[in-house]
Amino acid sequence: MTIILIEKYGKKILELSGEIDMNASPVLRKELMTLVKKGVTPLVIDFNNVSYIDSSGIATFVEGLKGMMAFGGKLKLAALPSAVKEIFSFSKLDRVFEIYGSIDDAINS
């Protein structure tokens, strides 16, 4: 998995690619929680190039969302491939997270 932090229209975006599994989740968690602790909001997560996510990856985003909610921040998930979106839907987390079809939709919301 690769993680790249970019800025678009003044918003921070974490571009992810590859598999978010138990090997990659600790690295992602460190990056995500660093941004949460800095109070970066909104933070958009670009899933466009994510091919797989397991329960450890889901748990990482739940922890990030909880951290954001503690200070009124926003964590927005964008451009989820159908297989990844299915996991969020199956676990009913699509009702908890703000999920957008594209990065631009997430930024403009």
N, C-alpha and C. Protein backbone atom coordinates (compact mmCIF):
# COMPACT_ATOMS: atom_id res chain seq x y z
N MET A 1 0.83 -1.17 0.00
CA MET A 1 0.00 0.00 0.00
C MET A 1 0.88 1.24 0.00
N THR A 2 0.45 2.23 -0.73
CA THR A 2 1.12 3.53 -0.69
C THR A 2 0.14 4.58 -0.19
N ILE A 3 0.71 5.58 0.49
CA ILE A 3 -0.07 6.68 1.05
C ILE A 3 0.60 7.97 0.61
N ILE A 4 -0.17 8.83 -0.02
CA ILE A 4 0.36 10.13 -0.44
C ILE A 4 -0.60 11.20 0.07
N LEU A 5 -0.05 12.20 0.76
CA LEU A 5 -0.85 13.32 1.24
C LEU A 5 -0.73 14.46 0.25
N ILE A 6 -1.86 14.89 -0.29
CA ILE A 6 -1.86 16.00 -1.24
C ILE A 6 -2.85 17.06 -0.74
N GLU A 7 -2.82 18.20 -1.40
CA GLU A 7 -3.78 19.25 -1.11
C GLU A 7 -4.44 19.66 -2.41
N LYS A 8 -5.77 19.79 -2.37
CA LYS A 8 -6.54 20.21 -3.54
C LYS A 8 -7.60 21.18 -3.07
N TYR A 9 -7.62 22.35 -3.67
CA TYR A 9 -8.58 23.39 -3.29
C TYR A 9 -8.51 23.69 -1.79
N GLY A 10 -7.31 23.61 -1.24
CA GLY A 10 -7.12 23.91 0.18
C GLY A 10 -7.53 22.80 1.13
N LYS A 11 -7.88 21.62 0.61
CA LYS A 11 -8.29 20.49 1.43
C LYS A 11 -7.22 19.40 1.38
N LYS A 12 -6.98 18.77 2.51
CA LYS A 12 -6.02 17.66 2.59
C LYS A 12 -6.69 16.38 2.11
N ILE A 13 -5.96 15.65 1.27
CA ILE A 13 -6.45 14.38 0.72
C ILE A 13 -5.38 13.32 0.92
N LEU A 14 -5.78 12.18 1.51
CA LEU A 14 -4.88 11.03 1.59
C LEU A 14 -5.21 10.13 0.41
N GLU A 15 -4.29 10.02 -0.52
CA GLU A 15 -4.47 9.12 -1.66
C GLU A 15 -3.89 7.77 -1.29
N LEU A 16 -4.73 6.74 -1.31
CA LEU A 16 -4.30 5.39 -0.97
C LEU A 16 -4.30 4.53 -2.21
N SER A 17 -3.38 3.57 -2.24
CA SER A 17 -3.40 2.60 -3.33
C SER A 17 -2.90 1.26 -2.82
N GLY A 18 -3.41 0.21 -3.42
CA GLY A 18 -3.02 -1.14 -3.03
C GLY A 18 -4.00 -1.74 -2.04
N GLU A 19 -3.49 -2.64 -1.20
CA GLU A 19 -4.31 -3.37 -0.25
C GLU A 19 -4.17 -2.78 1.15
N ILE A 20 -5.30 -2.58 1.81
CA ILE A 20 -5.29 -2.12 3.20
C ILE A 20 -5.61 -3.35 4.04
N ASP A 21 -4.55 -3.98 4.51
CA ASP A 21 -4.69 -5.21 5.28
C ASP A 21 -3.94 -5.09 6.60
N MET A 22 -3.81 -6.20 7.32
CA MET A 22 -3.18 -6.14 8.64
C MET A 22 -1.71 -5.74 8.57
N ASN A 23 -1.07 -5.89 7.44
CA ASN A 23 0.31 -5.45 7.29
C ASN A 23 0.40 -3.95 7.04
N ALA A 24 -0.55 -3.43 6.29
CA ALA A 24 -0.52 -2.01 5.92
C ALA A 24 -1.23 -1.11 6.94
N SER A 25 -2.17 -1.66 7.67
CA SER A 25 -2.99 -0.85 8.59
C SER A 25 -2.19 -0.06 9.63
N PRO A 26 -1.14 -0.63 10.24
CA PRO A 26 -0.39 0.16 11.22
C PRO A 26 0.25 1.42 10.62
N VAL A 27 0.73 1.33 9.39
CA VAL A 27 1.32 2.48 8.71
C VAL A 27 0.23 3.52 8.42
N LEU A 28 -0.90 3.05 7.92
CA LEU A 28 -2.03 3.93 7.64
C LEU A 28 -2.53 4.58 8.92
N ARG A 29 -2.64 3.80 9.98
CA ARG A 29 -3.11 4.32 11.27
C ARG A 29 -2.22 5.45 11.75
N LYS A 30 -0.91 5.25 11.67
CA LYS A 30 0.03 6.28 12.12
C LYS A 30 -0.18 7.59 11.35
N GLU A 31 -0.28 7.49 10.04
CA GLU A 31 -0.48 8.67 9.19
C GLU A 31 -1.82 9.34 9.47
N LEU A 32 -2.86 8.53 9.54
CA LEU A 32 -4.21 9.06 9.77
C LEU A 32 -4.31 9.74 11.14
N MET A 33 -3.82 9.08 12.17
CA MET A 33 -3.96 9.63 13.52
C MET A 33 -3.07 10.86 13.71
N THR A 34 -1.97 10.97 12.99
CA THR A 34 -1.15 12.18 13.03
C THR A 34 -1.97 13.36 12.51
N LEU A 35 -2.69 13.16 11.42
CA LEU A 35 -3.52 14.21 10.85
C LEU A 35 -4.70 14.55 11.76
N VAL A 36 -5.28 13.53 12.37
CA VAL A 36 -6.39 13.76 13.30
C VAL A 36 -5.90 14.59 14.48
N LYS A 37 -4.77 14.22 15.04
CA LYS A 37 -4.23 14.94 16.20
C LYS A 37 -3.87 16.38 15.86
N LYS A 38 -3.54 16.65 14.61
CA LYS A 38 -3.25 18.02 14.17
C LYS A 38 -4.54 18.80 13.92
N GLY A 39 -5.67 18.11 13.97
CA GLY A 39 -6.95 18.79 13.75
C GLY A 39 -7.25 19.10 12.30
N VAL A 40 -6.67 18.33 11.38
CA VAL A 40 -6.92 18.54 9.96
C VAL A 40 -8.37 18.17 9.64
N THR A 41 -9.13 19.13 9.18
CA THR A 41 -10.52 18.87 8.81
C THR A 41 -10.97 19.82 7.71
N PRO A 42 -11.71 19.39 6.75
CA PRO A 42 -12.04 17.99 6.55
C PRO A 42 -10.83 17.24 6.00
N LEU A 43 -10.81 15.96 6.23
CA LEU A 43 -9.79 15.09 5.65
C LEU A 43 -10.50 14.13 4.71
N VAL A 44 -10.09 14.15 3.46
CA VAL A 44 -10.69 13.29 2.43
C VAL A 44 -9.76 12.11 2.19
N ILE A 45 -10.33 10.92 2.18
CA ILE A 45 -9.57 9.70 1.89
C ILE A 45 -9.96 9.24 0.49
N ASP A 46 -8.97 9.19 -0.39
CA ASP A 46 -9.18 8.78 -1.78
C ASP A 46 -8.93 7.28 -1.90
N PHE A 47 -9.99 6.52 -2.11
CA PHE A 47 -9.92 5.06 -2.23
C PHE A 47 -9.82 4.59 -3.68
N ASN A 48 -9.72 5.50 -4.62
CA ASN A 48 -9.80 5.15 -6.03
C ASN A 48 -8.91 3.98 -6.42
N ASN A 49 -7.70 3.90 -5.86
CA ASN A 49 -6.76 2.85 -6.24
C ASN A 49 -6.58 1.79 -5.18
N VAL A 50 -7.56 1.65 -4.29
CA VAL A 50 -7.51 0.61 -3.26
C VAL A 50 -8.18 -0.64 -3.83
N SER A 51 -7.45 -1.75 -3.79
CA SER A 51 -7.98 -2.99 -4.36
C SER A 51 -8.61 -3.90 -3.32
N TYR A 52 -8.32 -3.67 -2.03
CA TYR A 52 -8.80 -4.58 -0.98
C TYR A 52 -8.72 -3.88 0.36
N ILE A 53 -9.67 -4.18 1.25
CA ILE A 53 -9.61 -3.70 2.63
C ILE A 53 -10.13 -4.82 3.53
N ASP A 54 -9.42 -5.06 4.64
CA ASP A 54 -9.88 -6.07 5.59
C ASP A 54 -10.36 -5.40 6.87
N SER A 55 -10.69 -6.19 7.87
CA SER A 55 -11.25 -5.65 9.11
C SER A 55 -10.27 -4.74 9.84
N SER A 56 -8.98 -4.99 9.71
CA SER A 56 -8.01 -4.11 10.37
C SER A 56 -8.00 -2.73 9.71
N GLY A 57 -8.22 -2.69 8.41
CA GLY A 57 -8.32 -1.42 7.70
C GLY A 57 -9.58 -0.67 8.09
N ILE A 58 -10.69 -1.41 8.17
CA ILE A 58 -11.95 -0.80 8.60
C ILE A 58 -11.79 -0.22 10.01
N ALA A 59 -11.18 -0.99 10.91
CA ALA A 59 -10.97 -0.54 12.28
C ALA A 59 -10.13 0.74 12.33
N THR A 60 -9.16 0.85 11.45
CA THR A 60 -8.32 2.05 11.38
C THR A 60 -9.17 3.28 11.05
N PHE A 61 -10.07 3.14 10.10
CA PHE A 61 -10.92 4.27 9.73
C PHE A 61 -11.95 4.59 10.81
N VAL A 62 -12.45 3.57 11.50
CA VAL A 62 -13.37 3.81 12.61
C VAL A 62 -12.66 4.61 13.71
N GLU A 63 -11.42 4.23 14.01
CA GLU A 63 -10.64 4.96 15.00
C GLU A 63 -10.40 6.40 14.55
N GLY A 64 -10.08 6.58 13.28
CA GLY A 64 -9.88 7.93 12.75
C GLY A 64 -11.14 8.77 12.84
N LEU A 65 -12.29 8.16 12.53
CA LEU A 65 -13.56 8.87 12.61
C LEU A 65 -13.87 9.27 14.05
N LYS A 66 -13.63 8.37 14.98
CA LYS A 66 -13.86 8.70 16.40
C LYS A 66 -12.98 9.87 16.83
N GLY A 67 -11.73 9.86 16.38
CA GLY A 67 -10.82 10.96 16.70
C GLY A 67 -11.31 12.27 16.12
N MET A 68 -11.81 12.23 14.90
CA MET A 68 -12.35 13.43 14.25
C MET A 68 -13.58 13.94 14.97
N MET A 69 -14.46 13.04 15.35
CA MET A 69 -15.70 13.43 16.01
C MET A 69 -15.42 14.10 17.36
N ALA A 70 -14.32 13.74 17.99
CA ALA A 70 -13.98 14.30 19.29
C ALA A 70 -13.81 15.82 19.23
N PHE A 71 -13.39 16.34 18.06
CA PHE A 71 -13.23 17.80 17.95
C PHE A 71 -14.13 18.41 16.88
N GLY A 72 -15.10 17.64 16.41
CA GLY A 72 -16.04 18.16 15.42
C GLY A 72 -15.51 18.15 14.01
N GLY A 73 -14.46 17.36 13.77
CA GLY A 73 -13.87 17.27 12.44
C GLY A 73 -14.65 16.37 11.51
N LYS A 74 -14.28 16.40 10.24
CA LYS A 74 -14.95 15.60 9.22
C LYS A 74 -13.95 14.68 8.53
N LEU A 75 -14.31 13.40 8.45
CA LEU A 75 -13.54 12.41 7.70
C LEU A 75 -14.44 11.96 6.56
N LYS A 76 -14.00 12.20 5.33
CA LYS A 76 -14.82 11.90 4.15
C LYS A 76 -14.11 10.85 3.31
N LEU A 77 -14.84 9.80 2.96
CA LEU A 77 -14.31 8.73 2.13
C LEU A 77 -14.82 8.94 0.71
N ALA A 78 -13.93 8.82 -0.26
CA ALA A 78 -14.31 9.12 -1.64
C ALA A 78 -13.80 8.09 -2.62
N ALA A 79 -14.55 7.92 -3.69
CA ALA A 79 -14.17 7.10 -4.84
C ALA A 79 -13.88 5.65 -4.47
N LEU A 80 -14.77 5.06 -3.66
CA LEU A 80 -14.59 3.67 -3.25
C LEU A 80 -14.91 2.74 -4.41
N PRO A 81 -13.98 1.85 -4.75
CA PRO A 81 -14.30 0.82 -5.75
C PRO A 81 -15.45 -0.04 -5.23
N SER A 82 -16.20 -0.68 -6.11
CA SER A 82 -17.40 -1.41 -5.70
C SER A 82 -17.12 -2.48 -4.65
N ALA A 83 -16.00 -3.20 -4.75
CA ALA A 83 -15.68 -4.24 -3.77
C ALA A 83 -15.45 -3.66 -2.39
N VAL A 84 -14.82 -2.51 -2.32
CA VAL A 84 -14.55 -1.85 -1.04
C VAL A 84 -15.85 -1.25 -0.50
N LYS A 85 -16.61 -0.63 -1.36
CA LYS A 85 -17.89 -0.04 -0.94
C LYS A 85 -18.83 -1.11 -0.38
N GLU A 86 -18.79 -2.28 -0.98
CA GLU A 86 -19.60 -3.40 -0.55
C GLU A 86 -19.31 -3.78 0.91
N ILE A 87 -18.05 -3.73 1.29
CA ILE A 87 -17.66 -4.07 2.66
C ILE A 87 -18.22 -3.03 3.63
N PHE A 88 -18.13 -1.76 3.28
CA PHE A 88 -18.70 -0.71 4.14
C PHE A 88 -20.22 -0.87 4.22
N SER A 89 -20.86 -1.23 3.13
CA SER A 89 -22.32 -1.42 3.12
C SER A 89 -22.71 -2.65 3.94
N PHE A 90 -22.02 -3.74 3.74
CA PHE A 90 -22.32 -4.99 4.43
C PHE A 90 -22.22 -4.82 5.95
N SER A 91 -21.24 -4.05 6.39
CA SER A 91 -21.02 -3.83 7.83
C SER A 91 -21.86 -2.66 8.36
N LYS A 92 -22.68 -2.08 7.48
CA LYS A 92 -23.56 -0.94 7.81
C LYS A 92 -22.77 0.34 8.14
N LEU A 93 -21.49 0.34 7.84
CA LEU A 93 -20.67 1.53 8.10
C LEU A 93 -20.90 2.62 7.06
N ASP A 94 -21.60 2.29 5.99
CA ASP A 94 -21.95 3.32 5.01
C ASP A 94 -22.97 4.30 5.62
N ARG A 95 -23.56 3.93 6.75
CA ARG A 95 -24.48 4.81 7.47
C ARG A 95 -23.74 5.69 8.47
N VAL A 96 -22.49 5.34 8.76
CA VAL A 96 -21.70 6.04 9.76
C VAL A 96 -20.74 7.03 9.10
N PHE A 97 -20.11 6.60 8.01
CA PHE A 97 -19.14 7.43 7.31
C PHE A 97 -19.81 8.27 6.24
N GLU A 98 -19.19 9.42 5.96
CA GLU A 98 -19.60 10.22 4.80
C GLU A 98 -18.87 9.63 3.60
N ILE A 99 -19.62 9.05 2.68
CA ILE A 99 -19.03 8.39 1.51
C ILE A 99 -19.51 9.12 0.25
N TYR A 100 -18.54 9.47 -0.61
CA TYR A 100 -18.82 10.23 -1.82
C TYR A 100 -18.32 9.49 -3.05
N GLY A 101 -18.97 9.72 -4.18
CA GLY A 101 -18.60 9.07 -5.42
C GLY A 101 -17.27 9.53 -6.01
N SER A 102 -16.89 10.77 -5.69
CA SER A 102 -15.64 11.29 -6.25
C SER A 102 -14.96 12.22 -5.24
N ILE A 103 -13.71 12.51 -5.51
CA ILE A 103 -12.95 13.45 -4.66
C ILE A 103 -13.62 14.83 -4.71
N ASP A 104 -13.98 15.27 -5.90
CA ASP A 104 -14.61 16.59 -6.04
C ASP A 104 -15.92 16.67 -5.25
N ASP A 105 -16.71 15.59 -5.28
CA ASP A 105 -17.96 15.59 -4.51
C ASP A 105 -17.66 15.73 -3.02
N ALA A 106 -16.63 15.04 -2.55
CA ALA A 106 -16.26 15.10 -1.12
C ALA A 106 -15.77 16.51 -0.76
N ILE A 107 -14.95 17.08 -1.62
CA ILE A 107 -14.40 18.42 -1.35
C ILE A 107 -15.52 19.46 -1.34
N ASN A 108 -16.45 19.35 -2.27
CA ASN A 108 -17.50 20.36 -2.42
C ASN A 108 -18.69 20.17 -1.48
N SER A 109 -18.67 19.12 -0.69
CA SER A 109 -19.81 18.89 0.21
C SER A 109 -19.72 19.69 1.48
